[in-house]
Structures are given as structure tokens and as C-alpha cells.
């Protein structure tokens, strides 16, 4: 589907994307830290009677557990928010941004698009955050997650005015009814 080429302020959009991503990373860090504090509190309260060597071996394994928790929270945060929140994370909601599919802009992001976009974030994170700087080098300001999933980040107002204007909305009657409303 060809979308009308209305222009957005790319510098402002880029700043909002950076702010939204920073907000998202703060949320991921806070959630990960809370999970780890809960886990360490559990270890201290329920394993305090173990021998010192066992407690020490559990404590030396904490960095591996912390990394696992961080990656799980990172993946879950982006995947679930993109899939369930119409292409928005908490940071995108705060800064008025939205991710939409270039192939089907009238629909929410699909499972595959959300997964590929999240994998793009994960690859960028795994490279030491270096690939998150890619949009600064590109003229179209698209990052690796955008390229992986064929999606684009736009302002919510821009999406409603220019992209949804020409798109056909899915009506409730076109969807399959699981339950008969007359019953």
C-alpha cells in the first residue's frame, strides 16, 4: 500500500525516539533491578541456614542470573508492549510516538513484526549499544529494528492524520465472531 508522502520534522522525531528509548531502558533497568532484589531477598531469607560455601557459590552465580533476568525483561518488555499496545512502548506513549507496519498500516503490529523488531533491539543491545547509533548515520533515520521488521516510527498525530486517512479500517463485522451476541 502506498502511503502519501507527508513530511515530519525528522530531527524532532529522532529526538523523541531517543527520549522514548531512554525512558524504555530506564523501565527495563528498574524492572530488572526489582526482580533481582526480590531474588536476593529470597536467597537471604530462605537459605541463611546453608553452609557458607553453598551461600558463596550461589552469590558468585548472581551475575549470570542478573544477565538472564535482564535479557528476559528486555525481550519481554519490547515484544509484549509492541504486540499488545498498538506498536507503542511506555516511552513511545509518553512521547507520542507509534510503530506501524508499512505493509498493513491499518492493522496493529503482528506477532512476526513485533518479534523481528524486538530481535533488532536485542541485536543492537548485544553489540554494546553501538548499532543504536545507526539512525544518526542514515538519511532516512531508520534503525536496525525498523529494517528487521519493515516498520516505521512516526508521531501518533501524524499517523492518525496522514496514514490512517487513506487506509481502510477493519470493521467489527469483518472479524470472526466467537460468540453469538443474540444468545
C-alpha atoms as a PDB file:
ATOM      1  CA  UNK A   1       0.000   0.000   0.000  1.00  0.00           C
ATOM      2  CA  UNK A   2       1.450   3.348  -0.998  1.00  0.00           C
ATOM      3  CA  UNK A   3       1.164   5.987   1.668  1.00  0.00           C
ATOM      4  CA  UNK A   4       1.014   9.697   0.955  1.00  0.00           C
ATOM      5  CA  UNK A   5       4.436  11.224   1.454  1.00  0.00           C
ATOM      6  CA  UNK A   6       3.623  13.898   4.009  1.00  0.00           C
ATOM      7  CA  UNK A   7       6.686  15.124   5.848  1.00  0.00           C
ATOM      8  CA  UNK A   8       7.501  15.060   9.531  1.00  0.00           C
ATOM      9  CA  UNK A   9      10.252  17.000  11.243  1.00  0.00           C
ATOM     10  CA  UNK A  10      12.904  14.265  11.200  1.00  0.00           C
ATOM     11  CA  UNK A  11      15.138  15.963  13.790  1.00  0.00           C
ATOM     12  CA  UNK A  12      12.268  16.304  16.257  1.00  0.00           C
ATOM     13  CA  UNK A  13      11.159  12.732  15.569  1.00  0.00           C
ATOM     14  CA  UNK A  14      14.708  11.489  16.148  1.00  0.00           C
ATOM     15  CA  UNK A  15      14.950  13.364  19.468  1.00  0.00           C
ATOM     16  CA  UNK A  16      11.641  11.927  20.605  1.00  0.00           C
ATOM     17  CA  UNK A  17      12.788   8.435  19.619  1.00  0.00           C
ATOM     18  CA  UNK A  18      15.966   8.853  21.667  1.00  0.00           C
ATOM     19  CA  UNK A  19      13.993  10.137  24.671  1.00  0.00           C
ATOM     20  CA  UNK A  20      11.451   7.325  24.347  1.00  0.00           C
ATOM     21  CA  UNK A  21      14.192   4.698  24.112  1.00  0.00           C
ATOM     22  CA  UNK A  22      15.972   6.164  27.135  1.00  0.00           C
ATOM     23  CA  UNK A  23      12.701   6.032  29.062  1.00  0.00           C
ATOM     24  CA  UNK A  24      12.182   2.418  27.971  1.00  0.00           C
ATOM     25  CA  UNK A  25      15.692   1.464  29.064  1.00  0.00           C
ATOM     26  CA  UNK A  26      15.043   3.078  32.458  1.00  0.00           C
ATOM     27  CA  UNK A  27      11.867   0.997  32.822  1.00  0.00           C
ATOM     28  CA  UNK A  28      13.764  -2.160  31.865  1.00  0.00           C
ATOM     29  CA  UNK A  29      16.546  -1.341  34.341  1.00  0.00           C
ATOM     30  CA  UNK A  30      14.106  -0.655  37.170  1.00  0.00           C
ATOM     31  CA  UNK A  31      12.118  -3.830  36.481  1.00  0.00           C
ATOM     32  CA  UNK A  32      15.274  -5.928  36.234  1.00  0.00           C
ATOM     33  CA  UNK A  33      16.643  -4.442  39.452  1.00  0.00           C
ATOM     34  CA  UNK A  34      13.365  -5.126  41.292  1.00  0.00           C
ATOM     35  CA  UNK A  35      13.378  -8.750  40.146  1.00  0.00           C
ATOM     36  CA  UNK A  36      16.993  -9.151  41.291  1.00  0.00           C
ATOM     37  CA  UNK A  37      16.294  -7.517  44.661  1.00  0.00           C
ATOM     38  CA  UNK A  38      13.396  -9.896  45.154  1.00  0.00           C
ATOM     39  CA  UNK A  39      15.592 -12.852  44.215  1.00  0.00           C
ATOM     40  CA  UNK A  40      18.453 -11.864  46.525  1.00  0.00           C
ATOM     41  CA  UNK A  41      15.999 -11.221  49.364  1.00  0.00           C
ATOM     42  CA  UNK A  42      14.585 -14.688  48.780  1.00  0.00           C
ATOM     43  CA  UNK A  43      18.069 -16.201  48.905  1.00  0.00           C
ATOM     44  CA  UNK A  44      18.977 -14.385  52.124  1.00  0.00           C
ATOM     45  CA  UNK A  45      15.734 -15.240  53.901  1.00  0.00           C
ATOM     46  CA  UNK A  46      15.372 -18.877  52.923  1.00  0.00           C
ATOM     47  CA  UNK A  47      18.946 -20.072  52.505  1.00  0.00           C
ATOM     48  CA  UNK A  48      20.549 -18.426  55.520  1.00  0.00           C
ATOM     49  CA  UNK A  49      20.972 -21.825  57.212  1.00  0.00           C
ATOM     50  CA  UNK A  50      23.108 -23.259  54.432  1.00  0.00           C
ATOM     51  CA  UNK A  51      26.829 -23.612  54.827  1.00  0.00           C
ATOM     52  CA  UNK A  52      28.942 -20.610  53.893  1.00  0.00           C
ATOM     53  CA  UNK A  53      30.441 -22.383  50.858  1.00  0.00           C
ATOM     54  CA  UNK A  54      26.983 -23.030  49.386  1.00  0.00           C
ATOM     55  CA  UNK A  55      25.904 -19.442  50.002  1.00  0.00           C
ATOM     56  CA  UNK A  56      29.122 -18.232  48.390  1.00  0.00           C
ATOM     57  CA  UNK A  57      28.606 -20.411  45.306  1.00  0.00           C
ATOM     58  CA  UNK A  58      25.063 -19.034  44.944  1.00  0.00           C
ATOM     59  CA  UNK A  59      26.370 -15.471  45.315  1.00  0.00           C
ATOM     60  CA  UNK A  60      29.055 -15.986  42.633  1.00  0.00           C
ATOM     61  CA  UNK A  61      26.326 -17.117  40.216  1.00  0.00           C
ATOM     62  CA  UNK A  62      24.368 -13.894  40.643  1.00  0.00           C
ATOM     63  CA  UNK A  63      25.919 -12.066  37.637  1.00  0.00           C
ATOM     64  CA  UNK A  64      24.769 -14.860  35.311  1.00  0.00           C
ATOM     65  CA  UNK A  65      21.297 -14.775  36.835  1.00  0.00           C
ATOM     66  CA  UNK A  66      21.247 -10.979  36.622  1.00  0.00           C
ATOM     67  CA  UNK A  67      22.176 -11.090  32.923  1.00  0.00           C
ATOM     68  CA  UNK A  68      19.490 -13.713  32.274  1.00  0.00           C
ATOM     69  CA  UNK A  69      16.878 -11.635  34.085  1.00  0.00           C
ATOM     70  CA  UNK A  70      17.943  -8.502  32.210  1.00  0.00           C
ATOM     71  CA  UNK A  71      17.674 -10.202  28.803  1.00  0.00           C
ATOM     72  CA  UNK A  72      14.318 -11.757  29.687  1.00  0.00           C
ATOM     73  CA  UNK A  73      12.908  -8.431  30.880  1.00  0.00           C
ATOM     74  CA  UNK A  74      14.387  -6.632  27.844  1.00  0.00           C
ATOM     75  CA  UNK A  75      12.864  -9.059  25.347  1.00  0.00           C
ATOM     76  CA  UNK A  76       9.529  -9.334  27.148  1.00  0.00           C
ATOM     77  CA  UNK A  77       9.181  -5.577  27.587  1.00  0.00           C
ATOM     78  CA  UNK A  78       9.621  -4.732  23.920  1.00  0.00           C
ATOM     79  CA  UNK A  79       7.841  -7.767  22.491  1.00  0.00           C
ATOM     80  CA  UNK A  80       4.767  -7.580  24.703  1.00  0.00           C
ATOM     81  CA  UNK A  81       4.398  -3.811  24.534  1.00  0.00           C
ATOM     82  CA  UNK A  82       4.757  -3.659  20.767  1.00  0.00           C
ATOM     83  CA  UNK A  83       2.377  -6.565  20.209  1.00  0.00           C
ATOM     84  CA  UNK A  84      -0.312  -5.659  22.737  1.00  0.00           C
ATOM     85  CA  UNK A  85      -0.184  -1.840  22.719  1.00  0.00           C
ATOM     86  CA  UNK A  86      -0.671  -0.982  19.040  1.00  0.00           C
ATOM     87  CA  UNK A  87       3.059  -0.605  18.398  1.00  0.00           C
ATOM     88  CA  UNK A  88       3.799   1.509  21.452  1.00  0.00           C
ATOM     89  CA  UNK A  89       6.088   1.011  24.415  1.00  0.00           C
ATOM     90  CA  UNK A  90       5.729   3.089  27.563  1.00  0.00           C
ATOM     91  CA  UNK A  91       8.359   5.500  26.264  1.00  0.00           C
ATOM     92  CA  UNK A  92       6.596   5.846  22.927  1.00  0.00           C
ATOM     93  CA  UNK A  93       3.300   6.508  24.724  1.00  0.00           C
ATOM     94  CA  UNK A  94       4.860   9.239  26.855  1.00  0.00           C
ATOM     95  CA  UNK A  95       6.458  10.955  23.852  1.00  0.00           C
ATOM     96  CA  UNK A  96       3.535  10.481  21.428  1.00  0.00           C
ATOM     97  CA  UNK A  97       5.174   8.006  19.064  1.00  0.00           C
ATOM     98  CA  UNK A  98       3.928   4.857  17.407  1.00  0.00           C
ATOM     99  CA  UNK A  99       5.327   1.992  15.341  1.00  0.00           C
ATOM    100  CA  UNK A 100       3.326   0.904  12.325  1.00  0.00           C
ATOM    101  CA  UNK A 101       3.741  -1.695   9.626  1.00  0.00           C
ATOM    102  CA  UNK A 102       4.458  -0.338   6.171  1.00  0.00           C
ATOM    103  CA  UNK A 103       2.726  -3.352   4.635  1.00  0.00           C
ATOM    104  CA  UNK A 104      -0.535  -3.105   6.611  1.00  0.00           C
ATOM    105  CA  UNK A 105      -0.718   0.312   8.293  1.00  0.00           C
ATOM    106  CA  UNK A 106      -4.390  -0.042   9.181  1.00  0.00           C
ATOM    107  CA  UNK A 107      -3.716  -3.032  11.431  1.00  0.00           C
ATOM    108  CA  UNK A 108      -1.769  -3.357  14.651  1.00  0.00           C
ATOM    109  CA  UNK A 109       1.698  -4.866  14.542  1.00  0.00           C
ATOM    110  CA  UNK A 110       1.568  -8.584  14.003  1.00  0.00           C
ATOM    111  CA  UNK A 111       3.318 -11.240  16.044  1.00  0.00           C
ATOM    112  CA  UNK A 112       6.096 -11.609  13.461  1.00  0.00           C
ATOM    113  CA  UNK A 113       6.698  -7.885  13.127  1.00  0.00           C
ATOM    114  CA  UNK A 114       6.823  -7.447  16.899  1.00  0.00           C
ATOM    115  CA  UNK A 115       9.218 -10.387  17.208  1.00  0.00           C
ATOM    116  CA  UNK A 116      11.528  -9.148  14.410  1.00  0.00           C
ATOM    117  CA  UNK A 117      11.543  -5.615  15.826  1.00  0.00           C
ATOM    118  CA  UNK A 118      12.398  -6.971  19.283  1.00  0.00           C
ATOM    119  CA  UNK A 119      15.178  -9.101  17.799  1.00  0.00           C
ATOM    120  CA  UNK A 120      16.527  -5.933  16.152  1.00  0.00           C
ATOM    121  CA  UNK A 121      16.611  -4.258  19.569  1.00  0.00           C
ATOM    122  CA  UNK A 122      18.311  -7.327  21.039  1.00  0.00           C
ATOM    123  CA  UNK A 123      20.999  -7.368  18.320  1.00  0.00           C
ATOM    124  CA  UNK A 124      21.655  -3.662  18.891  1.00  0.00           C
ATOM    125  CA  UNK A 125      21.895  -4.230  22.640  1.00  0.00           C
ATOM    126  CA  UNK A 126      24.178  -7.255  22.217  1.00  0.00           C
ATOM    127  CA  UNK A 127      26.656  -5.195  20.179  1.00  0.00           C
ATOM    128  CA  UNK A 128      27.239  -2.894  23.110  1.00  0.00           C
ATOM    129  CA  UNK A 129      24.624  -0.326  22.064  1.00  0.00           C
ATOM    130  CA  UNK A 130      26.790   0.614  19.070  1.00  0.00           C
ATOM    131  CA  UNK A 131      24.139  -0.184  16.463  1.00  0.00           C
ATOM    132  CA  UNK A 132      21.612   2.078  18.189  1.00  0.00           C
ATOM    133  CA  UNK A 133      23.627   4.939  16.669  1.00  0.00           C
ATOM    134  CA  UNK A 134      22.799   3.731  13.145  1.00  0.00           C
ATOM    135  CA  UNK A 135      19.861   6.163  12.673  1.00  0.00           C
ATOM    136  CA  UNK A 136      22.254   9.082  13.224  1.00  0.00           C
ATOM    137  CA  UNK A 137      24.228   7.961  10.173  1.00  0.00           C
ATOM    138  CA  UNK A 138      21.300   7.258   7.860  1.00  0.00           C
ATOM    139  CA  UNK A 139      19.433   9.895   5.917  1.00  0.00           C
ATOM    140  CA  UNK A 140      16.027   8.264   6.490  1.00  0.00           C
ATOM    141  CA  UNK A 141      16.743   7.898  10.269  1.00  0.00           C
ATOM    142  CA  UNK A 142      15.768   4.202  10.267  1.00  0.00           C
ATOM    143  CA  UNK A 143      17.412   1.893  12.749  1.00  0.00           C
ATOM    144  CA  UNK A 144      18.108  -1.815  12.712  1.00  0.00           C
ATOM    145  CA  UNK A 145      14.762  -2.715  14.370  1.00  0.00           C
ATOM    146  CA  UNK A 146      12.954  -0.719  11.654  1.00  0.00           C
ATOM    147  CA  UNK A 147      14.820  -2.572   8.915  1.00  0.00           C
ATOM    148  CA  UNK A 148      14.385  -6.022  10.502  1.00  0.00           C
ATOM    149  CA  UNK A 149      10.609  -5.661  10.738  1.00  0.00           C
ATOM    150  CA  UNK A 150       9.689  -3.352   7.822  1.00  0.00           C
ATOM    151  CA  UNK A 151       8.135  -0.930  10.272  1.00  0.00           C
ATOM    152  CA  UNK A 152       8.453   2.781  10.850  1.00  0.00           C
ATOM    153  CA  UNK A 153       8.202   5.054  13.883  1.00  0.00           C
ATOM    154  CA  UNK A 154       6.060   8.158  13.477  1.00  0.00           C
ATOM    155  CA  UNK A 155       4.278  10.662  15.671  1.00  0.00           C
ATOM    156  CA  UNK A 156       0.845   9.483  16.791  1.00  0.00           C
ATOM    157  CA  UNK A 157      -0.804  12.619  15.353  1.00  0.00           C
ATOM    158  CA  UNK A 158       0.958  12.114  12.022  1.00  0.00           C
ATOM    159  CA  UNK A 159      -0.223   8.507  11.935  1.00  0.00           C
ATOM    160  CA  UNK A 160      -3.846   9.471  12.582  1.00  0.00           C
ATOM    161  CA  UNK A 161      -3.867  12.372  10.091  1.00  0.00           C
ATOM    162  CA  UNK A 162      -1.851  11.029   7.164  1.00  0.00           C
ATOM    163  CA  UNK A 163      -1.551   7.268   7.333  1.00  0.00           C
ATOM    164  CA  UNK A 164      -4.956   6.216   8.643  1.00  0.00           C
ATOM    165  CA  UNK A 165      -6.697   8.774   6.439  1.00  0.00           C
ATOM    166  CA  UNK A 166      -6.274   6.696   3.303  1.00  0.00           C
ATOM    167  CA  UNK A 167      -6.277   3.266   4.905  1.00  0.00           C
ATOM    168  CA  UNK A 168      -9.371   1.148   5.203  1.00  0.00           C
ATOM    169  CA  UNK A 169     -10.176   0.345   8.796  1.00  0.00           C
ATOM    170  CA  UNK A 170     -11.079  -3.199   9.740  1.00  0.00           C
ATOM    171  CA  UNK A 171     -14.681  -3.262  10.804  1.00  0.00           C
ATOM    172  CA  UNK A 172     -16.064  -5.449  13.552  1.00  0.00           C
ATOM    173  CA  UNK A 173     -18.289  -7.273  11.036  1.00  0.00           C
ATOM    174  CA  UNK A 174     -15.283  -8.454   9.031  1.00  0.00           C
ATOM    175  CA  UNK A 175     -13.870 -10.240  12.043  1.00  0.00           C
ATOM    176  CA  UNK A 176     -14.993 -13.700  13.107  1.00  0.00           C
ATOM    177  CA  UNK A 177     -17.424 -13.711  15.999  1.00  0.00           C
ATOM    178  CA  UNK A 178     -16.591 -16.424  18.515  1.00  0.00           C
ATOM    179  CA  UNK A 179     -19.786 -15.986  20.491  1.00  0.00           C
ATOM    180  CA  UNK A 180     -23.253 -15.269  19.201  1.00  0.00           C
ATOM    181  CA  UNK A 181     -24.408 -11.970  20.721  1.00  0.00           C
ATOM    182  CA  UNK A 182     -28.088 -12.930  20.413  1.00  0.00           C
ATOM    183  CA  UNK A 183     -27.722 -15.846  22.816  1.00  0.00           C
END
